[in-house]
C-alpha cells in the first residue's frame, strides 16, 4: 500500500531528510567560518606586508637623505640642532662628534669690516618716488597709522613680518624689571612699557638650557646708562644700539666707548649682517641652521626695520642668515644685525602676540631679559 504524505504529518522519509539537513547545516557553517577566518588572515597579512614595505622604504629614504651624497639635509639638521639649547641631541642621534665638528666648521659668517658710519644715515621724510615694489610697501603708510607699518613677508620655507618704524626716536630698549633675577616675556614687557610694538632683543645666559631668561649676554645700555654688564655671547657682532641722534650703530667697542659716542639704548649680540650697505658673507647657512629669526636694521633714510620670521611650524620651518640678509637688503637696509632667535623669537603688537612663537610657555612665549620696543 502506497504511503501518502498527509498534511500535518511527517513520513519516515521526511524525518531522514531533515536529519541530513540538520547534520549538513552545522558542517557548512563551520566551513564558512573557517574560510572567513583564513580570508581575514590573508588580508591582514597583506596589510602588514604593505605597511612593512612602506616602513622599509621610509627608513631607507631617511637613511639615504641623512647619509647620502647630498649634504643639504645633513648640514641643515646639524646646524639647526646645534644652535638650539634643547635639541642638540637630534644631531648626536645620527652623527658622530667628528662629523658634527666637520659640518659646523664649514658653515660660518664673515662679517663686514669696520663699524657703521652714522653720517651716512640722513633722517628725513622719504621721497615718494618708488624704485620698486618693496620701496612702495615701506613708504606707503597705513592711513590710520603714521608710526609704524607691518608688512607680511614670505619665502620658500618661511613666513614672517617686517615692521617699518618711521620715527627711529620711538625705538628703545626694554628690560625685565627683575634683571639678573628673572626674565619676562615680550608681551609682559610691552604691557609694562606701554609699547605699541615689542620684539625680542639680546641673547641670554642659559647654562642648563632651562634658565629663566634673567641674565642678558653683554652690556645693556638704557637711557644712556649701563643697566647690566655680563660676558658676551661669543656670536660675533658687538654693540647694536641707537645714539641720541636716533641712528643705529653697529660696532665693536667697549661699553665706555659706546657711552662716549652717545649711545642711548643698546645691547650686544650678533653677527652683523649688513654694515654701511655691505652684506656679510655667509658660507652655507652660516652655522645657524634654519629656525625662527629676529633682526633689526635701519635704512639710509632713518626708517627702522624690525624683522620676525616664524619657524618650526608646518607652514614656516624658519629661515637661515642668508634669508634674513636678503629680506633686509630687499627692503633697503643699510645697517642690520641678527638678534636672538629660536624659541625667543616673538612679535607683540598692541600688547598682543602677533607672530607665532614656539617656546613652551603661555602663548608660545618664554622669559627673556631684553626687548626692542616702539613707543608713542
Protein backbone atom coordinates (compact mmCIF):
# COMPACT_ATOMS: atom_id res chain seq x y z
CA UNK A 1 0.00 0.00 0.00
CA UNK A 2 1.43 3.38 -1.09
CA UNK A 3 2.26 5.71 1.84
CA UNK A 4 0.89 9.22 1.45
CA UNK A 5 2.22 12.40 3.00
CA UNK A 6 -0.75 13.70 4.87
CA UNK A 7 -0.86 17.42 5.69
CA UNK A 8 0.43 17.99 9.23
CA UNK A 9 2.22 14.64 9.39
CA UNK A 10 5.79 13.62 8.54
CA UNK A 11 6.75 10.44 6.83
CA UNK A 12 9.90 8.49 7.80
CA UNK A 13 11.50 9.82 4.59
CA UNK A 14 10.86 13.39 5.71
CA UNK A 15 12.49 12.71 9.05
CA UNK A 16 15.51 11.28 7.30
CA UNK A 17 15.87 14.34 5.00
CA UNK A 18 15.51 16.72 7.94
CA UNK A 19 18.14 14.80 9.82
CA UNK A 20 20.53 15.10 6.86
CA UNK A 21 19.81 18.84 6.67
CA UNK A 22 20.44 19.23 10.38
CA UNK A 23 23.73 17.41 10.04
CA UNK A 24 24.81 19.38 6.96
CA UNK A 25 23.96 22.87 8.28
CA UNK A 26 26.45 22.99 11.17
CA UNK A 27 29.18 21.47 8.98
CA UNK A 28 28.68 24.03 6.22
CA UNK A 29 28.56 26.86 8.76
CA UNK A 30 31.83 25.75 10.33
CA UNK A 31 33.50 25.54 6.94
CA UNK A 32 32.28 29.06 6.06
CA UNK A 33 33.56 30.47 9.37
CA UNK A 34 36.89 28.75 8.79
CA UNK A 35 37.10 30.18 5.25
CA UNK A 36 36.23 33.69 6.51
CA UNK A 37 38.97 33.44 9.12
CA UNK A 38 41.50 32.37 6.52
CA UNK A 39 40.48 35.22 4.18
CA UNK A 40 40.69 37.70 7.02
CA UNK A 41 44.12 36.44 8.00
CA UNK A 42 45.31 36.73 4.40
CA UNK A 43 44.01 40.33 4.22
CA UNK A 44 45.78 41.29 7.45
CA UNK A 45 48.97 39.67 6.19
CA UNK A 46 48.76 41.74 3.03
CA UNK A 47 48.15 44.94 5.03
CA UNK A 48 51.08 44.11 7.30
CA UNK A 49 53.37 43.43 4.33
CA UNK A 50 52.37 46.73 2.70
CA UNK A 51 52.98 48.56 6.00
CA UNK A 52 56.32 46.81 6.44
CA UNK A 53 57.33 47.73 2.90
CA UNK A 54 56.32 51.34 3.49
CA UNK A 55 58.33 51.49 6.73
CA UNK A 56 61.33 49.98 4.98
CA UNK A 57 61.08 52.50 2.15
CA UNK A 58 60.68 55.34 4.66
CA UNK A 59 63.65 54.14 6.68
CA UNK A 60 65.78 53.61 3.56
CA UNK A 61 64.82 57.04 2.24
CA UNK A 62 65.60 58.64 5.58
CA UNK A 63 68.98 56.93 5.78
CA UNK A 64 69.73 57.99 2.21
CA UNK A 65 68.89 61.61 3.00
CA UNK A 66 70.87 61.57 6.24
CA UNK A 67 73.95 59.79 4.91
CA UNK A 68 73.64 60.11 1.13
CA UNK A 69 75.76 62.16 -1.27
CA UNK A 70 73.78 65.41 -0.89
CA UNK A 71 74.94 67.43 2.14
CA UNK A 72 71.96 69.80 2.44
CA UNK A 73 69.88 67.65 4.81
CA UNK A 74 72.89 66.71 6.91
CA UNK A 75 74.11 70.30 7.18
CA UNK A 76 70.66 71.68 7.92
CA UNK A 77 69.90 69.13 10.62
CA UNK A 78 73.26 69.52 12.34
CA UNK A 79 73.44 73.33 12.24
CA UNK A 80 69.79 73.78 13.24
CA UNK A 81 70.08 71.35 16.15
CA UNK A 82 73.46 72.57 17.40
CA UNK A 83 72.37 76.23 17.57
CA UNK A 84 69.43 75.39 19.84
CA UNK A 85 69.78 74.99 23.57
CA UNK A 86 67.50 71.99 24.00
CA UNK A 87 67.66 69.94 20.80
CA UNK A 88 71.37 69.27 20.19
CA UNK A 89 70.68 65.59 20.87
CA UNK A 90 68.91 65.40 17.49
CA UNK A 91 72.25 65.87 15.73
CA UNK A 92 74.07 63.47 18.04
CA UNK A 93 71.49 60.74 17.47
CA UNK A 94 72.54 60.42 13.85
CA UNK A 95 76.09 61.74 13.61
CA UNK A 96 79.40 61.39 15.39
CA UNK A 97 81.09 64.33 17.09
CA UNK A 98 83.70 64.32 14.33
CA UNK A 99 81.02 64.70 11.64
CA UNK A 100 79.27 67.43 13.60
CA UNK A 101 82.53 69.34 14.07
CA UNK A 102 83.36 68.99 10.37
CA UNK A 103 79.96 70.29 9.26
CA UNK A 104 79.99 73.18 11.73
CA UNK A 105 83.47 74.22 10.61
CA UNK A 106 82.21 74.57 7.04
CA UNK A 107 79.34 76.90 7.98
CA UNK A 108 80.35 80.39 9.00
CA UNK A 109 79.73 84.12 8.66
CA UNK A 110 82.36 86.67 7.65
CA UNK A 111 81.04 89.98 8.92
CA UNK A 112 81.71 93.22 7.04
CA UNK A 113 84.77 95.07 8.31
CA UNK A 114 84.57 98.17 10.47
CA UNK A 115 81.76 99.87 12.36
CA UNK A 116 78.79 101.68 10.92
CA UNK A 117 79.20 105.28 9.79
CA UNK A 118 76.34 107.30 11.36
CA UNK A 119 76.99 110.18 8.95
CA UNK A 120 75.62 108.04 6.12
CA UNK A 121 72.18 107.98 7.76
CA UNK A 122 70.07 111.05 6.93
CA UNK A 123 66.81 111.03 8.83
CA UNK A 124 64.24 112.79 6.68
CA UNK A 125 60.86 112.44 5.11
CA UNK A 126 61.48 109.98 2.28
CA UNK A 127 60.73 110.80 -1.33
CA UNK A 128 57.53 109.29 -2.62
CA UNK A 129 59.26 108.03 -5.73
CA UNK A 130 59.26 104.28 -5.54
CA UNK A 131 62.21 102.48 -7.07
CA UNK A 132 60.46 99.11 -6.77
CA UNK A 133 57.57 97.28 -5.13
CA UNK A 134 59.47 96.87 -1.86
CA UNK A 135 60.03 100.62 -1.60
CA UNK A 136 56.33 101.13 -2.17
CA UNK A 137 55.49 98.69 0.63
CA UNK A 138 57.77 100.57 3.01
CA UNK A 139 56.95 104.17 2.07
CA UNK A 140 53.18 103.94 1.63
CA UNK A 141 52.00 104.39 5.20
CA UNK A 142 48.81 102.91 6.55
CA UNK A 143 46.13 105.64 6.51
CA UNK A 144 45.42 105.33 10.24
CA UNK A 145 48.98 104.77 11.47
CA UNK A 146 51.95 107.04 10.75
CA UNK A 147 54.18 105.49 13.46
CA UNK A 148 54.73 102.03 12.01
CA UNK A 149 53.56 99.61 9.35
CA UNK A 150 53.52 95.80 9.40
CA UNK A 151 54.44 94.08 6.14
CA UNK A 152 53.83 90.32 5.82
CA UNK A 153 56.77 88.56 4.16
CA UNK A 154 57.28 85.03 2.89
CA UNK A 155 59.79 82.82 1.15
CA UNK A 156 60.04 79.22 0.01
CA UNK A 157 60.33 77.92 3.56
CA UNK A 158 59.25 80.75 5.83
CA UNK A 159 56.64 83.35 6.73
CA UNK A 160 57.08 86.38 8.90
CA UNK A 161 56.62 90.09 9.47
CA UNK A 162 58.64 93.20 8.78
CA UNK A 163 57.78 96.23 10.90
CA UNK A 164 58.76 99.58 9.38
CA UNK A 165 59.12 102.24 12.10
CA UNK A 166 59.10 105.71 10.58
CA UNK A 167 60.48 107.65 13.54
CA UNK A 168 63.64 106.00 14.97
CA UNK A 169 63.40 108.05 18.17
CA UNK A 170 60.47 105.82 19.13
CA UNK A 171 62.62 102.66 19.16
CA UNK A 172 64.01 101.91 22.63
CA UNK A 173 65.30 99.01 24.68
CA UNK A 174 63.13 97.46 27.38
CA UNK A 175 64.31 95.13 30.12
CA UNK A 176 62.70 92.74 32.54
CA UNK A 177 62.12 94.58 35.81
CA UNK A 178 63.81 91.63 37.52
CA UNK A 179 67.05 91.99 35.53
CA UNK A 180 69.60 89.47 36.78
CA UNK A 181 66.95 87.54 38.74
CA UNK A 182 64.13 86.58 36.37
CA UNK A 183 63.17 87.37 32.81
CA UNK A 184 59.77 88.41 31.48
CA UNK A 185 58.01 87.69 28.21
CA UNK A 186 57.93 90.27 25.43
CA UNK A 187 54.19 90.60 26.00
CA UNK A 188 54.63 91.47 29.66
CA UNK A 189 57.40 93.97 28.85
CA UNK A 190 55.21 95.54 26.18
CA UNK A 191 52.44 95.96 28.74
CA UNK A 192 54.73 97.42 31.39
CA UNK A 193 56.38 99.89 28.98
CA UNK A 194 53.07 100.67 27.25
CA UNK A 195 54.68 99.74 23.94
CA UNK A 196 52.94 99.68 20.59
CA UNK A 197 55.31 97.02 19.28
CA UNK A 198 57.82 94.73 21.00
CA UNK A 199 60.35 92.22 19.70
CA UNK A 200 62.95 90.09 21.47
CA UNK A 201 66.47 91.52 21.59
CA UNK A 202 69.66 90.09 23.15
CA UNK A 203 70.61 86.52 23.89
CA UNK A 204 70.96 85.42 27.49
CA UNK A 205 72.99 83.18 29.76
CA UNK A 206 71.43 79.72 29.63
CA UNK A 207 73.93 77.19 31.05
CA UNK A 208 71.43 74.43 31.81
CA UNK A 209 69.24 75.09 28.72
CA UNK A 210 66.37 75.82 31.07
CA UNK A 211 67.19 79.20 32.59
CA UNK A 212 64.63 81.85 33.47
CA UNK A 213 65.97 84.41 30.99
CA UNK A 214 67.26 86.79 33.64
CA UNK A 215 70.82 87.45 32.51
CA UNK A 216 71.49 89.07 29.11
CA UNK A 217 74.79 88.43 27.37
CA UNK A 218 76.96 91.51 27.00
CA UNK A 219 76.26 95.07 28.04
CA UNK A 220 72.79 96.61 28.15
CA UNK A 221 72.50 100.40 27.87
CA UNK A 222 69.16 102.02 28.62
CA UNK A 223 68.55 105.79 28.51
CA UNK A 224 72.30 106.41 28.27
CA UNK A 225 73.21 104.31 31.32
CA UNK A 226 74.71 100.83 31.67
CA UNK A 227 72.00 98.82 33.45
CA UNK A 228 73.64 95.41 33.10
CA UNK A 229 77.02 94.02 32.14
CA UNK A 230 77.90 90.36 31.61
CA UNK A 231 80.17 88.33 29.35
CA UNK A 232 79.22 88.48 25.68
CA UNK A 233 77.61 85.59 23.81
CA UNK A 234 80.59 84.88 21.55
CA UNK A 235 78.48 85.00 18.39
CA UNK A 236 80.29 87.83 16.62
CA UNK A 237 78.84 91.27 16.23
CA UNK A 238 79.12 93.70 19.11
CA UNK A 239 77.07 96.69 20.20
CA UNK A 240 73.70 97.12 18.50
CA UNK A 241 72.10 100.38 19.53
CA UNK A 242 70.71 103.82 18.83
CA UNK A 243 72.50 107.06 19.52
CA UNK A 244 70.82 110.22 20.78
CA UNK A 245 70.72 111.21 17.11
CA UNK A 246 68.49 108.13 16.62
CA UNK A 247 70.94 106.38 14.32
CA UNK A 248 71.52 102.64 14.53
CA UNK A 249 75.17 101.93 15.30
CA UNK A 250 76.78 98.51 14.95
CA UNK A 251 80.22 98.49 16.47
CA UNK A 252 82.96 96.51 18.12
CA UNK A 253 83.83 98.72 21.07
CA UNK A 254 83.98 98.89 24.84
CA UNK A 255 80.99 100.00 26.87
CA UNK A 256 82.78 103.26 27.70
CA UNK A 257 83.37 103.93 24.01
CA UNK A 258 79.69 103.25 23.37
CA UNK A 259 78.67 105.74 26.04
CA UNK A 260 81.17 108.31 24.83
CA UNK A 261 79.77 108.21 21.30
CA UNK A 262 76.29 108.95 22.65
CA UNK A 263 74.64 105.52 22.72
CA UNK A 264 71.21 105.88 24.38
CA UNK A 265 69.81 102.34 24.04
CA UNK A 266 71.86 99.28 23.14
CA UNK A 267 72.57 95.59 23.61
CA UNK A 268 75.39 93.31 22.50
CA UNK A 269 74.76 90.45 20.08
CA UNK A 270 75.43 89.38 16.51
CA UNK A 271 76.53 88.64 13.96
CA UNK A 272 76.33 91.87 11.99
CA UNK A 273 74.57 91.15 8.69
CA UNK A 274 74.92 94.48 6.84
CA UNK A 275 77.37 97.28 7.62
CA UNK A 276 77.34 100.50 5.60
CA UNK A 277 75.41 98.77 2.84
CA UNK A 278 77.83 95.83 2.60
CA UNK A 279 76.30 92.40 3.38
CA UNK A 280 78.10 89.72 5.37
CA UNK A 281 79.50 86.70 3.54
CA UNK A 282 77.55 83.67 4.69
CA UNK A 283 79.06 80.24 3.94
CA UNK A 284 76.35 77.59 3.79
CA UNK A 285 73.71 78.70 6.25
CA UNK A 286 76.25 80.45 8.45
CA UNK A 287 76.22 77.69 11.04
CA UNK A 288 72.94 78.93 12.49
CA UNK A 289 70.68 76.45 10.71
CA UNK A 290 67.05 77.09 9.83
CA UNK A 291 65.00 78.45 12.72
CA UNK A 292 62.74 81.28 13.83
CA UNK A 293 64.70 84.50 13.33
CA UNK A 294 64.78 88.11 14.55
CA UNK A 295 66.81 91.05 13.26
CA UNK A 296 66.96 94.83 13.47
CA UNK A 297 68.04 97.24 10.73
CA UNK A 298 67.96 100.86 9.60
CA UNK A 299 67.66 102.33 6.13
CA UNK A 300 69.64 105.36 4.95
CA UNK A 301 66.51 107.50 5.35
CA UNK A 302 66.34 106.56 9.04
CA UNK A 303 63.40 104.13 8.87
CA UNK A 304 63.96 101.25 11.29
CA UNK A 305 63.15 97.68 10.24
CA UNK A 306 62.20 95.03 12.80
CA UNK A 307 62.13 91.55 11.27
CA UNK A 308 60.50 88.50 12.84
CA UNK A 309 60.32 85.17 10.98
CA UNK A 310 58.24 82.29 12.31
CA UNK A 311 59.75 78.80 12.41
CA UNK A 312 59.36 75.18 13.50
CA UNK A 313 55.87 75.11 12.03
CA UNK A 314 54.37 73.16 9.13
CA UNK A 315 53.75 76.36 7.14
CA UNK A 316 57.02 78.06 8.13
CA UNK A 317 60.02 75.95 9.06
CA UNK A 318 62.18 79.03 9.52
CA UNK A 319 64.99 80.97 7.86
CA UNK A 320 68.77 80.96 7.77
CA UNK A 321 71.01 84.02 7.87
CA UNK A 322 71.11 84.19 4.08
CA UNK A 323 67.31 84.53 4.02
CA UNK A 324 67.36 87.21 6.71
CA UNK A 325 70.04 89.25 4.95
CA UNK A 326 68.26 89.01 1.60
CA UNK A 327 64.94 90.19 3.05
CA UNK A 328 66.55 93.18 4.74
CA UNK A 329 68.59 94.14 1.67
CA UNK A 330 65.44 93.90 -0.44
CA UNK A 331 63.72 96.47 1.77
CA UNK A 332 66.63 98.88 1.72
CA UNK A 333 68.50 98.09 4.96
CA UNK A 334 71.83 99.92 5.18
CA UNK A 335 72.87 98.50 8.57
CA UNK A 336 71.48 95.32 10.10
CA UNK A 337 72.21 92.84 12.87
CA UNK A 338 70.98 89.42 13.85
CA UNK A 339 69.20 89.13 17.19
CA UNK A 340 68.49 86.16 19.43
CA UNK A 341 66.25 83.72 17.54
CA UNK A 342 64.78 80.27 18.02
CA UNK A 343 62.25 79.97 20.80
CA UNK A 344 62.97 83.56 21.91
CA UNK A 345 61.59 84.94 18.63
CA UNK A 346 58.35 86.86 19.12
CA UNK A 347 56.49 89.92 17.90
CA UNK A 348 53.96 91.74 20.05
CA UNK A 349 51.62 94.36 18.56
CA UNK A 350 49.24 96.43 20.70
CA UNK A 351 50.20 94.25 23.68
CA UNK A 352 49.00 91.04 21.98
CA UNK A 353 51.02 88.20 20.43
CA UNK A 354 51.22 88.84 16.69
CA UNK A 355 53.70 86.25 15.44
CA UNK A 356 53.70 82.51 16.14
CA UNK A 357 56.30 81.87 18.86
CA UNK A 358 57.21 78.28 19.67
CA UNK A 359 58.55 78.32 23.23
CA UNK A 360 56.89 76.17 25.85
CA UNK A 361 55.33 78.98 27.86
CA UNK A 362 51.90 80.58 27.65
CA UNK A 363 51.07 81.69 24.10
CA UNK A 364 54.36 80.18 22.94
CA UNK A 365 56.42 82.80 24.80
CA UNK A 366 59.41 82.42 27.09
CA UNK A 367 61.03 84.68 29.64
CA UNK A 368 63.82 86.82 28.18
CA UNK A 369 65.86 89.75 29.55
CA UNK A 370 65.50 92.45 26.88
CA UNK A 371 63.26 93.58 24.06
CA UNK A 372 63.22 96.26 21.38
CA UNK A 373 60.06 98.30 21.74
CA UNK A 374 58.26 101.04 19.80
CA UNK A 375 56.55 103.68 21.93
CA UNK A 376 54.23 106.55 21.10
